[in-house]
Structure formats: structure tokens, C-alpha cells
PDB file of N, CA and C in Angstrom:
ATOM      1  N   MET A   1     195.030  36.003  42.643  1.00  0.00           N
ATOM      2  CA  MET A   1     194.126  35.017  42.114  1.00  0.00           C
ATOM      3  C   MET A   1     194.862  33.952  41.316  1.00  0.00           C
ATOM      4  N   LEU A   2     196.127  34.182  41.056  1.00  0.00           N
ATOM      5  CA  LEU A   2     196.937  33.168  40.388  1.00  0.00           C
ATOM      6  C   LEU A   2     196.970  31.893  41.214  1.00  0.00           C
ATOM      7  N   PHE A   3     197.090  32.040  42.520  1.00  0.00           N
ATOM      8  CA  PHE A   3     197.164  30.863  43.374  1.00  0.00           C
ATOM      9  C   PHE A   3     195.817  30.153  43.477  1.00  0.00           C
ATOM     10  N   TYR A   4     194.727  30.899  43.382  1.00  0.00           N
ATOM     11  CA  TYR A   4     193.417  30.246  43.316  1.00  0.00           C
ATOM     12  C   TYR A   4     193.320  29.412  42.046  1.00  0.00           C
ATOM     13  N   SER A   5     193.788  29.955  40.936  1.00  0.00           N
ATOM     14  CA  SER A   5     193.740  29.220  39.675  1.00  0.00           C
ATOM     15  C   SER A   5     194.628  27.985  39.730  1.00  0.00           C
ATOM     16  N   LEU A   6     195.794  28.116  40.322  1.00  0.00           N
ATOM     17  CA  LEU A   6     196.676  26.954  40.469  1.00  0.00           C
ATOM     18  C   LEU A   6     196.088  25.928  41.424  1.00  0.00           C
ATOM     19  N   ALA A   7     195.444  26.382  42.486  1.00  0.00           N
ATOM     20  CA  ALA A   7     194.793  25.455  43.412  1.00  0.00           C
ATOM     21  C   ALA A   7     193.662  24.707  42.711  1.00  0.00           C
ATOM     22  N   GLY A   8     193.053  25.350  41.722  1.00  0.00           N
ATOM     23  CA  GLY A   8     191.992  24.693  40.968  1.00  0.00           C
ATOM     24  C   GLY A   8     192.478  23.461  40.222  1.00  0.00           C
ATOM     25  N   LEU A   9     193.768  23.425  39.893  1.00  0.00           N
ATOM     26  CA  LEU A   9     194.313  22.242  39.228  1.00  0.00           C
ATOM     27  C   LEU A   9     194.315  21.030  40.149  1.00  0.00           C
ATOM     28  N   TRP A  10     194.434  21.257  41.464  1.00  0.00           N
ATOM     29  CA  TRP A  10     194.496  20.147  42.407  1.00  0.00           C
ATOM     30  C   TRP A  10     193.183  19.915  43.139  1.00  0.00           C
ATOM     31  N   PHE A  11     192.458  20.990  43.452  1.00  0.00           N
ATOM     32  CA  PHE A  11     191.294  20.857  44.329  1.00  0.00           C
ATOM     33  C   PHE A  11     189.962  20.926  43.617  1.00  0.00           C
ATOM     34  N   GLY A  12     189.952  21.147  42.346  1.00  0.00           N
ATOM     35  CA  GLY A  12     188.684  21.187  41.625  1.00  0.00           C
ATOM     36  C   GLY A  12     188.558  22.439  40.783  1.00  0.00           C
ATOM     37  N   TYR A  13     187.659  22.378  39.852  1.00  0.00           N
ATOM     38  CA  TYR A  13     187.517  23.443  38.881  1.00  0.00           C
ATOM     39  C   TYR A  13     186.857  24.691  39.442  1.00  0.00           C
ATOM     40  N   ALA A  14     186.230  24.605  40.603  1.00  0.00           N
ATOM     41  CA  ALA A  14     185.592  25.790  41.176  1.00  0.00           C
ATOM     42  C   ALA A  14     186.627  26.849  41.505  1.00  0.00           C
ATOM     43  N   PHE A  15     187.749  26.451  42.069  1.00  0.00           N
ATOM     44  CA  PHE A  15     188.790  27.422  42.392  1.00  0.00           C
ATOM     45  C   PHE A  15     189.391  28.023  41.130  1.00  0.00           C
ATOM     46  N   MET A  16     189.514  27.234  40.101  1.00  0.00           N
ATOM     47  CA  MET A  16     190.035  27.756  38.844  1.00  0.00           C
ATOM     48  C   MET A  16     189.054  28.778  38.264  1.00  0.00           C
ATOM     49  N   ALA A  17     187.781  28.488  38.320  1.00  0.00           N
ATOM     50  CA  ALA A  17     186.775  29.411  37.811  1.00  0.00           C
ATOM     51  C   ALA A  17     186.758  30.708  38.623  1.00  0.00           C
ATOM     52  N   ILE A  18     186.887  30.599  39.942  1.00  0.00           N
ATOM     53  CA  ILE A  18     186.921  31.796  40.790  1.00  0.00           C
ATOM     54  C   ILE A  18     188.147  32.630  40.453  1.00  0.00           C
ATOM     55  N   GLY A  19     189.306  32.003  40.352  1.00  0.00           N
ATOM     56  CA  GLY A  19     190.539  32.722  40.060  1.00  0.00           C
ATOM     57  C   GLY A  19     190.525  33.414  38.711  1.00  0.00           C
ATOM     58  N   LEU A  20     190.061  32.720  37.692  1.00  0.00           N
ATOM     59  CA  LEU A  20     190.011  33.314  36.361  1.00  0.00           C
ATOM     60  C   LEU A  20     188.940  34.397  36.266  1.00  0.00           C
ATOM     61  N   GLY A  21     187.828  34.180  36.936  1.00  0.00           N
ATOM     62  CA  GLY A  21     186.764  35.185  36.929  1.00  0.00           C
ATOM     63  C   GLY A  21     187.183  36.474  37.614  1.00  0.00           C
ATOM     64  N   ILE A  22     187.829  36.354  38.770  1.00  0.00           N
ATOM     65  CA  ILE A  22     188.280  37.532  39.488  1.00  0.00           C
ATOM     66  C   ILE A  22     189.391  38.236  38.710  1.00  0.00           C
ATOM     67  N   SER A  23     190.260  37.472  38.062  1.00  0.00           N
ATOM     68  CA  SER A  23     191.306  38.085  37.242  1.00  0.00           C
ATOM     69  C   SER A  23     190.703  38.871  36.079  1.00  0.00           C
ATOM     70  N   ALA A  24     189.675  38.312  35.454  1.00  0.00           N
ATOM     71  CA  ALA A  24     189.009  39.012  34.358  1.00  0.00           C
ATOM     72  C   ALA A  24     188.323  40.283  34.859  1.00  0.00           C
ATOM     73  N   LEU A  25     187.656  40.207  36.012  1.00  0.00           N
ATOM     74  CA  LEU A  25     187.001  41.390  36.569  1.00  0.00           C
ATOM     75  C   LEU A  25     188.020  42.449  36.970  1.00  0.00           C
ATOM     76  N   THR A  26     189.189  42.024  37.428  1.00  0.00           N
ATOM     77  CA  THR A  26     190.248  42.969  37.764  1.00  0.00           C
ATOM     78  C   THR A  26     190.720  43.711  36.520  1.00  0.00           C
ATOM     79  N   LEU A  27     190.923  42.996  35.429  1.00  0.00           N
ATOM     80  CA  LEU A  27     191.343  43.647  34.186  1.00  0.00           C
ATOM     81  C   LEU A  27     190.274  44.583  33.643  1.00  0.00           C
ATOM     82  N   ILE A  28     189.031  44.186  33.733  1.00  0.00           N
ATOM     83  CA  ILE A  28     187.936  45.056  33.297  1.00  0.00           C
ATOM     84  C   ILE A  28     187.931  46.335  34.117  1.00  0.00           C
ATOM     85  N   GLY A  29     188.077  46.185  35.426  1.00  0.00           N
ATOM     86  CA  GLY A  29     188.109  47.361  36.283  1.00  0.00           C
ATOM     87  C   GLY A  29     189.301  48.253  36.008  1.00  0.00           C
ATOM     88  N   TYR A  30     190.433  47.664  35.732  1.00  0.00           N
ATOM     89  CA  TYR A  30     191.647  48.441  35.481  1.00  0.00           C
ATOM     90  C   TYR A  30     191.499  49.321  34.247  1.00  0.00           C
ATOM     91  N   PHE A  31     190.876  48.792  33.220  1.00  0.00           N
ATOM     92  CA  PHE A  31     190.767  49.540  31.977  1.00  0.00           C
ATOM     93  C   PHE A  31     189.527  50.439  31.894  1.00  0.00           C
ATOM     94  N   TYR A  32     188.470  50.152  32.655  1.00  0.00           N
ATOM     95  CA  TYR A  32     187.226  50.887  32.459  1.00  0.00           C
ATOM     96  C   TYR A  32     186.707  51.649  33.678  1.00  0.00           C
ATOM     97  N   ILE A  33     187.137  51.332  34.881  1.00  0.00           N
ATOM     98  CA  ILE A  33     186.539  51.943  36.062  1.00  0.00           C
ATOM     99  C   ILE A  33     187.111  53.329  36.348  1.00  0.00           C
ATOM    100  N   GLY A  34     188.416  53.493  36.251  1.00  0.00           N
ATOM    101  CA  GLY A  34     189.021  54.803  36.466  1.00  0.00           C
ATOM    102  C   GLY A  34     189.343  55.063  37.931  1.00  0.00           C
ATOM    103  N   GLU A  35     188.798  56.175  38.455  1.00  0.00           N
ATOM    104  CA  GLU A  35     189.131  56.615  39.815  1.00  0.00           C
ATOM    105  C   GLU A  35     188.613  55.667  40.897  1.00  0.00           C
ATOM    106  N   ALA A  36     187.588  54.926  40.623  1.00  0.00           N
ATOM    107  CA  ALA A  36     186.999  54.030  41.616  1.00  0.00           C
ATOM    108  C   ALA A  36     187.659  52.655  41.622  1.00  0.00           C
ATOM    109  N   PHE A  37     188.812  52.536  40.995  1.00  0.00           N
ATOM    110  CA  PHE A  37     189.467  51.230  40.898  1.00  0.00           C
ATOM    111  C   PHE A  37     189.811  50.618  42.257  1.00  0.00           C
ATOM    112  N   PRO A  38     190.330  51.382  43.245  1.00  0.00           N
ATOM    113  CA  PRO A  38     190.594  50.756  44.555  1.00  0.00           C
ATOM    114  C   PRO A  38     189.328  50.183  45.208  1.00  0.00           C
ATOM    115  N   LEU A  39     188.217  50.890  45.072  1.00  0.00           N
ATOM    116  CA  LEU A  39     186.957  50.384  45.616  1.00  0.00           C
ATOM    117  C   LEU A  39     186.510  49.140  44.855  1.00  0.00           C
ATOM    118  N   TRP A  40     186.665  49.157  43.547  1.00  0.00           N
ATOM    119  CA  TRP A  40     186.356  47.997  42.704  1.00  0.00           C
ATOM    120  C   TRP A  40     187.161  46.782  43.154  1.00  0.00           C
ATOM    121  N   MET A  41     188.478  46.995  43.391  1.00  0.00           N
ATOM    122  CA  MET A  41     189.341  45.899  43.811  1.00  0.00           C
ATOM    123  C   MET A  41     188.915  45.353  45.172  1.00  0.00           C
ATOM    124  N   ALA A  42     188.509  46.244  46.070  1.00  0.00           N
ATOM    125  CA  ALA A  42     188.069  45.802  47.392  1.00  0.00           C
ATOM    126  C   ALA A  42     186.854  44.886  47.280  1.00  0.00           C
ATOM    127  N   PHE A  43     185.888  45.283  46.472  1.00  0.00           N
ATOM    128  CA  PHE A  43     184.681  44.464  46.327  1.00  0.00           C
ATOM    129  C   PHE A  43     184.939  43.182  45.550  1.00  0.00           C
ATOM    130  N   VAL A  44     185.664  43.280  44.459  1.00  0.00           N
ATOM    131  CA  VAL A  44     185.872  42.111  43.602  1.00  0.00           C
ATOM    132  C   VAL A  44     186.753  41.074  44.295  1.00  0.00           C
ATOM    133  N   ASN A  45     187.904  41.495  44.808  1.00  0.00           N
ATOM    134  CA  ASN A  45     188.803  40.527  45.439  1.00  0.00           C
ATOM    135  C   ASN A  45     188.274  40.054  46.783  1.00  0.00           C
ATOM    136  N   GLY A  46     187.649  40.945  47.534  1.00  0.00           N
ATOM    137  CA  GLY A  46     187.028  40.517  48.788  1.00  0.00           C
ATOM    138  C   GLY A  46     185.913  39.521  48.547  1.00  0.00           C
ATOM    139  N   GLY A  47     185.111  39.798  47.530  1.00  0.00           N
ATOM    140  CA  GLY A  47     184.040  38.857  47.182  1.00  0.00           C
ATOM    141  C   GLY A  47     184.583  37.519  46.718  1.00  0.00           C
ATOM    142  N   GLY A  48     185.687  37.544  45.984  1.00  0.00           N
ATOM    143  CA  GLY A  48     186.304  36.290  45.545  1.00  0.00           C
ATOM    144  C   GLY A  48     186.837  35.469  46.703  1.00  0.00           C
ATOM    145  N   LEU A  49     187.435  36.135  47.681  1.00  0.00           N
ATOM    146  CA  LEU A  49     187.937  35.421  48.858  1.00  0.00           C
ATOM    147  C   LEU A  49     186.789  34.847  49.689  1.00  0.00           C
ATOM    148  N   ILE A  50     185.721  35.611  49.825  1.00  0.00           N
ATOM    149  CA  ILE A  50     184.553  35.110  50.556  1.00  0.00           C
ATOM    150  C   ILE A  50     183.939  33.929  49.819  1.00  0.00           C
ATOM    151  N   LEU A  51     183.817  34.036  48.510  1.00  0.00           N
ATOM    152  CA  LEU A  51     183.260  32.940  47.708  1.00  0.00           C
ATOM    153  C   LEU A  51     184.126  31.688  47.824  1.00  0.00           C
ATOM    154  N   GLY A  52     185.449  31.855  47.765  1.00  0.00           N
ATOM    155  CA  GLY A  52     186.349  30.712  47.939  1.00  0.00           C
ATOM    156  C   GLY A  52     186.226  30.086  49.320  1.00  0.00           C
ATOM    157  N   GLY A  53     186.086  30.921  50.337  1.00  0.00           N
ATOM    158  CA  GLY A  53     185.907  30.392  51.698  1.00  0.00           C
ATOM    159  C   GLY A  53     184.612  29.622  51.851  1.00  0.00           C
ATOM    160  N   LEU A  54     183.536  30.144  51.269  1.00  0.00           N
ATOM    161  CA  LEU A  54     182.269  29.420  51.329  1.00  0.00           C
ATOM    162  C   LEU A  54     182.350  28.103  50.556  1.00  0.00           C
ATOM    163  N   TRP A  55     183.082  28.108  49.456  1.00  0.00           N
ATOM    164  CA  TRP A  55     183.223  26.873  48.689  1.00  0.00           C
ATOM    165  C   TRP A  55     184.021  25.840  49.476  1.00  0.00           C
ATOM    166  N   MET A  56     185.077  26.278  50.184  1.00  0.00           N
ATOM    167  CA  MET A  56     185.871  25.350  50.996  1.00  0.00           C
ATOM    168  C   MET A  56     185.048  24.786  52.145  1.00  0.00           C
ATOM    169  N   ARG A  57     184.118  25.553  52.644  1.00  0.00           N
ATOM    170  CA  ARG A  57     183.255  25.060  53.720  1.00  0.00           C
ATOM    171  C   ARG A  57     182.384  23.904  53.239  1.00  0.00           C
ATOM    172  N   ARG A  58     182.014  23.943  51.967  1.00  0.00           N
ATOM    173  CA  ARG A  58     181.192  22.874  51.391  1.00  0.00           C
ATOM    174  C   ARG A  58     181.930  21.577  51.290  1.00  0.00           C
ATOM    175  N   ILE A  59     183.239  21.643  51.073  1.00  0.00           N
ATOM    176  CA  ILE A  59     184.031  20.434  50.805  1.00  0.00           C
ATOM    177  C   ILE A  59     184.223  19.623  52.056  1.00  0.00           C
TER     178      ILE A  59
END
């Protein structure tokens, strides 16, 4: 998500918001989810990639 945040500097604040939001959700999952962390990562990062793709379709 670092690259999404960096892309937000050039392509608009939506990518920066997606990157920072997914990074925050990843940290929350790392510290609080426990054994279900791989499943958490699949949903959170997959959802972030889908959201970014839908946003690029709008542009």
C-alpha cells in the first residue's frame, strides 16, 4: 500500500486515502486479530485493490 500512497501524490488524494486506510487496517489486524490474520489480510488488501481498480475506472 506504500505505492498506492505514493501514487496518491501524483494521481489524486483517493489513492493516498486508500493506501493509508489499508495500512491502518493492516496494523489493526496485526495487533488485534490473532490467528485469523491471513484471512484478514486477504479481505483487507483484496478489497483495497478492488476499490483502487474501481476508482481508476472512474477516471
